[in-house]
N, C-alpha and C. Protein backbone atom coordinates (compact mmCIF):
# COMPACT_ATOMS: atom_id res chain seq x y z
N MET A 1 -66.78 -32.99 41.58
CA MET A 1 -65.52 -32.32 41.36
C MET A 1 -64.44 -33.32 40.92
N LYS A 2 -64.45 -34.50 41.55
CA LYS A 2 -63.47 -35.52 41.20
C LYS A 2 -63.66 -35.98 39.76
N LYS A 3 -64.93 -36.06 39.32
CA LYS A 3 -65.20 -36.47 37.94
C LYS A 3 -64.67 -35.43 36.96
N LEU A 4 -64.84 -34.17 37.30
CA LEU A 4 -64.35 -33.09 36.44
C LEU A 4 -62.83 -33.14 36.33
N LEU A 5 -62.15 -33.33 37.42
CA LEU A 5 -60.69 -33.42 37.41
C LEU A 5 -60.22 -34.65 36.63
N ALA A 6 -60.94 -35.75 36.76
CA ALA A 6 -60.60 -36.95 36.02
C ALA A 6 -60.77 -36.74 34.53
N ALA A 7 -61.85 -36.05 34.15
CA ALA A 7 -62.09 -35.76 32.74
C ALA A 7 -61.00 -34.85 32.19
N ILE A 8 -60.63 -33.83 32.94
CA ILE A 8 -59.57 -32.92 32.52
C ILE A 8 -58.25 -33.66 32.38
N ALA A 9 -57.98 -34.57 33.31
CA ALA A 9 -56.74 -35.35 33.25
C ALA A 9 -56.69 -36.21 32.00
N LEU A 10 -57.84 -36.70 31.54
CA LEU A 10 -57.89 -37.52 30.33
C LEU A 10 -57.76 -36.67 29.07
N ILE A 11 -58.34 -35.50 29.07
CA ILE A 11 -58.38 -34.66 27.88
C ILE A 11 -57.12 -33.81 27.73
N ALA A 12 -56.53 -33.37 28.81
CA ALA A 12 -55.40 -32.45 28.77
C ALA A 12 -54.25 -32.93 27.88
N PRO A 13 -53.82 -34.18 27.97
CA PRO A 13 -52.71 -34.61 27.10
C PRO A 13 -53.04 -34.49 25.62
N VAL A 14 -54.29 -34.73 25.27
CA VAL A 14 -54.70 -34.63 23.86
C VAL A 14 -54.68 -33.17 23.42
N LEU A 15 -55.21 -32.28 24.26
CA LEU A 15 -55.28 -30.86 23.92
C LEU A 15 -53.90 -30.21 23.88
N LEU A 16 -53.00 -30.70 24.68
CA LEU A 16 -51.66 -30.11 24.76
C LEU A 16 -50.64 -30.81 23.89
N SER A 17 -51.07 -31.79 23.11
CA SER A 17 -50.13 -32.51 22.25
C SER A 17 -49.59 -31.59 21.16
N PRO A 18 -48.37 -31.84 20.67
CA PRO A 18 -47.81 -31.00 19.61
C PRO A 18 -48.69 -30.96 18.37
N ALA A 19 -49.35 -32.05 18.05
CA ALA A 19 -50.21 -32.09 16.86
C ALA A 19 -51.38 -31.13 17.01
N ALA A 20 -51.95 -31.07 18.21
CA ALA A 20 -53.09 -30.19 18.44
C ALA A 20 -52.65 -28.73 18.48
N MET A 21 -51.44 -28.49 18.91
CA MET A 21 -50.95 -27.11 19.03
C MET A 21 -50.27 -26.61 17.77
N ALA A 22 -49.93 -27.50 16.86
CA ALA A 22 -49.25 -27.10 15.63
C ALA A 22 -50.19 -26.26 14.79
N GLU A 23 -49.66 -25.20 14.23
CA GLU A 23 -50.44 -24.31 13.39
C GLU A 23 -50.56 -24.92 12.00
N THR A 24 -51.76 -24.95 11.45
CA THR A 24 -51.93 -25.49 10.12
C THR A 24 -51.37 -24.50 9.10
N ALA A 25 -51.20 -24.96 7.88
CA ALA A 25 -50.67 -24.09 6.83
C ALA A 25 -51.60 -22.91 6.59
N GLN A 26 -52.91 -23.16 6.63
CA GLN A 26 -53.88 -22.08 6.41
C GLN A 26 -53.83 -21.06 7.55
N GLN A 27 -53.67 -21.54 8.79
CA GLN A 27 -53.56 -20.63 9.93
C GLN A 27 -52.30 -19.79 9.82
N SER A 28 -51.23 -20.43 9.39
CA SER A 28 -49.97 -19.71 9.22
C SER A 28 -50.10 -18.64 8.13
N LYS A 29 -50.76 -19.01 7.04
CA LYS A 29 -50.96 -18.06 5.94
C LYS A 29 -51.84 -16.90 6.41
N MET A 30 -52.88 -17.19 7.21
CA MET A 30 -53.77 -16.15 7.71
C MET A 30 -53.01 -15.19 8.61
N THR A 31 -52.15 -15.73 9.47
CA THR A 31 -51.34 -14.89 10.35
C THR A 31 -50.45 -13.97 9.54
N SER A 32 -49.80 -14.52 8.53
CA SER A 32 -48.90 -13.74 7.69
C SER A 32 -49.67 -12.66 6.91
N CYS A 33 -50.81 -13.03 6.35
CA CYS A 33 -51.60 -12.08 5.57
C CYS A 33 -52.14 -10.96 6.46
N ASN A 34 -52.57 -11.32 7.66
CA ASN A 34 -53.06 -10.29 8.60
C ASN A 34 -51.96 -9.29 8.93
N LYS A 35 -50.76 -9.81 9.13
CA LYS A 35 -49.63 -8.94 9.44
C LYS A 35 -49.34 -8.00 8.26
N ASP A 36 -49.39 -8.54 7.05
CA ASP A 36 -49.12 -7.74 5.85
C ASP A 36 -50.23 -6.74 5.55
N ALA A 37 -51.44 -6.99 6.06
CA ALA A 37 -52.59 -6.12 5.79
C ALA A 37 -52.68 -4.95 6.76
N THR A 38 -51.72 -4.82 7.64
CA THR A 38 -51.74 -3.74 8.62
C THR A 38 -51.88 -2.40 7.91
N GLY A 39 -52.83 -1.59 8.36
CA GLY A 39 -53.04 -0.27 7.79
C GLY A 39 -54.10 -0.23 6.70
N LYS A 40 -54.47 -1.37 6.18
CA LYS A 40 -55.51 -1.42 5.15
C LYS A 40 -56.87 -1.55 5.84
N LYS A 41 -57.90 -0.93 5.25
CA LYS A 41 -59.23 -0.97 5.85
C LYS A 41 -60.29 -1.20 4.79
N GLY A 42 -61.42 -1.72 5.22
CA GLY A 42 -62.59 -1.86 4.37
C GLY A 42 -62.36 -2.74 3.15
N ASP A 43 -62.85 -2.24 2.01
CA ASP A 43 -62.77 -3.02 0.76
C ASP A 43 -61.33 -3.30 0.35
N GLU A 44 -60.44 -2.35 0.62
CA GLU A 44 -59.03 -2.55 0.27
C GLU A 44 -58.47 -3.75 1.04
N ARG A 45 -58.80 -3.85 2.33
CA ARG A 45 -58.31 -4.96 3.15
C ARG A 45 -58.93 -6.28 2.68
N LYS A 46 -60.24 -6.26 2.38
CA LYS A 46 -60.91 -7.48 1.91
C LYS A 46 -60.26 -8.00 0.63
N ALA A 47 -60.01 -7.09 -0.30
CA ALA A 47 -59.39 -7.49 -1.57
C ALA A 47 -57.99 -8.03 -1.33
N PHE A 48 -57.24 -7.34 -0.47
CA PHE A 48 -55.87 -7.79 -0.18
C PHE A 48 -55.88 -9.18 0.45
N MET A 49 -56.75 -9.39 1.43
CA MET A 49 -56.79 -10.67 2.12
C MET A 49 -57.22 -11.79 1.16
N LYS A 50 -58.17 -11.50 0.27
CA LYS A 50 -58.61 -12.49 -0.69
C LYS A 50 -57.44 -12.93 -1.57
N ASP A 51 -56.70 -11.96 -2.10
CA ASP A 51 -55.54 -12.27 -2.94
C ASP A 51 -54.46 -12.99 -2.15
N CYS A 52 -54.21 -12.52 -0.95
CA CYS A 52 -53.14 -13.09 -0.13
C CYS A 52 -53.43 -14.54 0.25
N LEU A 53 -54.68 -14.83 0.57
CA LEU A 53 -55.03 -16.17 1.02
C LEU A 53 -55.23 -17.16 -0.11
N SER A 54 -55.37 -16.66 -1.33
CA SER A 54 -55.51 -17.58 -2.46
C SER A 54 -54.18 -18.29 -2.68
N ASN A 55 -54.20 -19.38 -3.37
CA ASN A 55 -52.98 -20.16 -3.57
C ASN A 55 -52.14 -19.68 -4.74
N LYS A 56 -52.49 -18.54 -5.30
CA LYS A 56 -51.73 -18.03 -6.43
C LYS A 56 -50.35 -17.61 -5.96
N PRO A 57 -49.29 -18.04 -6.64
CA PRO A 57 -47.96 -17.58 -6.26
C PRO A 57 -47.80 -16.11 -6.61
N ALA A 58 -47.00 -15.44 -5.84
CA ALA A 58 -46.75 -14.02 -6.09
C ALA A 58 -46.03 -13.85 -7.42
N ALA A 59 -46.34 -12.77 -8.10
CA ALA A 59 -45.67 -12.49 -9.37
C ALA A 59 -44.20 -12.22 -9.11
N ALA A 60 -43.36 -12.79 -9.91
CA ALA A 60 -41.93 -12.62 -9.73
C ALA A 60 -41.52 -11.20 -10.09
N ALA A 61 -40.67 -10.64 -9.27
CA ALA A 61 -40.17 -9.30 -9.55
C ALA A 61 -39.21 -9.37 -10.73
N PRO A 62 -39.15 -8.32 -11.53
CA PRO A 62 -38.22 -8.33 -12.66
C PRO A 62 -36.78 -8.50 -12.16
N MET A 63 -36.00 -9.19 -12.94
CA MET A 63 -34.61 -9.45 -12.57
C MET A 63 -33.79 -8.17 -12.70
N THR A 64 -33.02 -7.86 -11.68
CA THR A 64 -32.16 -6.68 -11.73
C THR A 64 -30.92 -6.99 -12.56
N GLN A 65 -30.22 -5.95 -12.95
CA GLN A 65 -28.98 -6.13 -13.73
C GLN A 65 -27.97 -6.94 -12.92
N GLN A 66 -27.94 -6.69 -11.62
CA GLN A 66 -27.00 -7.42 -10.76
C GLN A 66 -27.35 -8.91 -10.73
N ASP A 67 -28.66 -9.21 -10.66
CA ASP A 67 -29.09 -10.61 -10.67
C ASP A 67 -28.73 -11.28 -11.99
N LYS A 68 -28.92 -10.55 -13.10
CA LYS A 68 -28.55 -11.08 -14.42
C LYS A 68 -27.06 -11.40 -14.47
N MET A 69 -26.26 -10.48 -13.94
CA MET A 69 -24.80 -10.65 -13.97
C MET A 69 -24.41 -11.90 -13.18
N LYS A 70 -25.01 -12.09 -12.01
CA LYS A 70 -24.71 -13.27 -11.19
C LYS A 70 -25.07 -14.55 -11.94
N MET A 71 -26.27 -14.56 -12.53
CA MET A 71 -26.73 -15.75 -13.24
C MET A 71 -25.84 -16.03 -14.45
N CYS A 72 -25.52 -14.99 -15.22
CA CYS A 72 -24.69 -15.18 -16.41
C CYS A 72 -23.28 -15.63 -16.03
N ASN A 73 -22.72 -15.07 -14.97
CA ASN A 73 -21.40 -15.51 -14.50
C ASN A 73 -21.41 -16.98 -14.13
N LYS A 74 -22.48 -17.40 -13.46
CA LYS A 74 -22.60 -18.80 -13.07
C LYS A 74 -22.68 -19.69 -14.31
N ASP A 75 -23.49 -19.25 -15.29
CA ASP A 75 -23.66 -20.04 -16.52
C ASP A 75 -22.40 -20.05 -17.38
N ALA A 76 -21.54 -19.04 -17.22
CA ALA A 76 -20.34 -18.94 -18.05
C ALA A 76 -19.16 -19.72 -17.48
N THR A 77 -19.38 -20.44 -16.40
CA THR A 77 -18.30 -21.23 -15.80
C THR A 77 -17.67 -22.15 -16.84
N GLY A 78 -16.36 -22.09 -16.94
CA GLY A 78 -15.63 -22.95 -17.87
C GLY A 78 -15.30 -22.28 -19.19
N LYS A 79 -15.97 -21.16 -19.50
CA LYS A 79 -15.69 -20.44 -20.74
C LYS A 79 -14.56 -19.45 -20.48
N LYS A 80 -13.73 -19.22 -21.52
CA LYS A 80 -12.59 -18.31 -21.36
C LYS A 80 -12.45 -17.43 -22.59
N GLY A 81 -11.81 -16.30 -22.37
CA GLY A 81 -11.45 -15.42 -23.48
C GLY A 81 -12.65 -14.90 -24.27
N ASP A 82 -12.48 -14.91 -25.62
CA ASP A 82 -13.51 -14.39 -26.50
C ASP A 82 -14.83 -15.16 -26.39
N ASP A 83 -14.72 -16.46 -26.14
CA ASP A 83 -15.92 -17.29 -26.00
C ASP A 83 -16.75 -16.80 -24.80
N ARG A 84 -16.08 -16.54 -23.68
CA ARG A 84 -16.77 -16.05 -22.48
C ARG A 84 -17.34 -14.66 -22.72
N LYS A 85 -16.56 -13.79 -23.34
CA LYS A 85 -16.99 -12.43 -23.60
C LYS A 85 -18.25 -12.42 -24.47
N ALA A 86 -18.28 -13.24 -25.51
CA ALA A 86 -19.43 -13.32 -26.40
C ALA A 86 -20.64 -13.89 -25.65
N PHE A 87 -20.39 -14.92 -24.84
CA PHE A 87 -21.47 -15.53 -24.09
C PHE A 87 -22.08 -14.51 -23.12
N MET A 88 -21.24 -13.80 -22.38
CA MET A 88 -21.71 -12.82 -21.39
C MET A 88 -22.50 -11.71 -22.08
N SER A 89 -22.00 -11.24 -23.20
CA SER A 89 -22.69 -10.18 -23.94
C SER A 89 -24.08 -10.64 -24.32
N GLN A 90 -24.18 -11.80 -24.88
CA GLN A 90 -25.47 -12.35 -25.31
C GLN A 90 -26.38 -12.60 -24.12
N CYS A 91 -25.83 -13.16 -23.07
CA CYS A 91 -26.60 -13.49 -21.89
C CYS A 91 -27.18 -12.23 -21.23
N LEU A 92 -26.39 -11.20 -21.12
CA LEU A 92 -26.85 -9.97 -20.46
C LEU A 92 -27.87 -9.20 -21.31
N LYS A 93 -27.91 -9.44 -22.61
CA LYS A 93 -28.88 -8.76 -23.47
C LYS A 93 -30.24 -9.40 -23.39
N LYS A 94 -30.30 -10.68 -23.01
CA LYS A 94 -31.57 -11.40 -22.94
C LYS A 94 -32.47 -10.79 -21.87
N ASP A 95 -33.78 -10.84 -22.14
CA ASP A 95 -34.77 -10.38 -21.17
C ASP A 95 -35.09 -11.57 -20.28
N LYS A 96 -34.64 -11.55 -19.04
CA LYS A 96 -34.80 -12.69 -18.12
C LYS A 96 -35.78 -12.37 -17.00
N SER A 97 -36.69 -11.46 -17.18
CA SER A 97 -37.61 -11.09 -16.11
C SER A 97 -38.71 -12.07 -15.91
């Protein structure tokens, strides 16, 4: 019994260290994907998990008109009058999705 307690005393600090308890990036991704897969079953869940766990970045959502306006306003800093009006018109017509 004393040997068992001595062994536990030696191993416990290693097992309880922050490095051992820290979640790896893959574990974190798995946790997130599992949460997002709630309600999916069978082949649908398998396909979802495969896509979710791959390193492919998610497709960017198309830019909303409000997002375009914010970006164009930021880019138009320093422009005034007709110059700004022309710039904003051109900027808002561009497809920025």
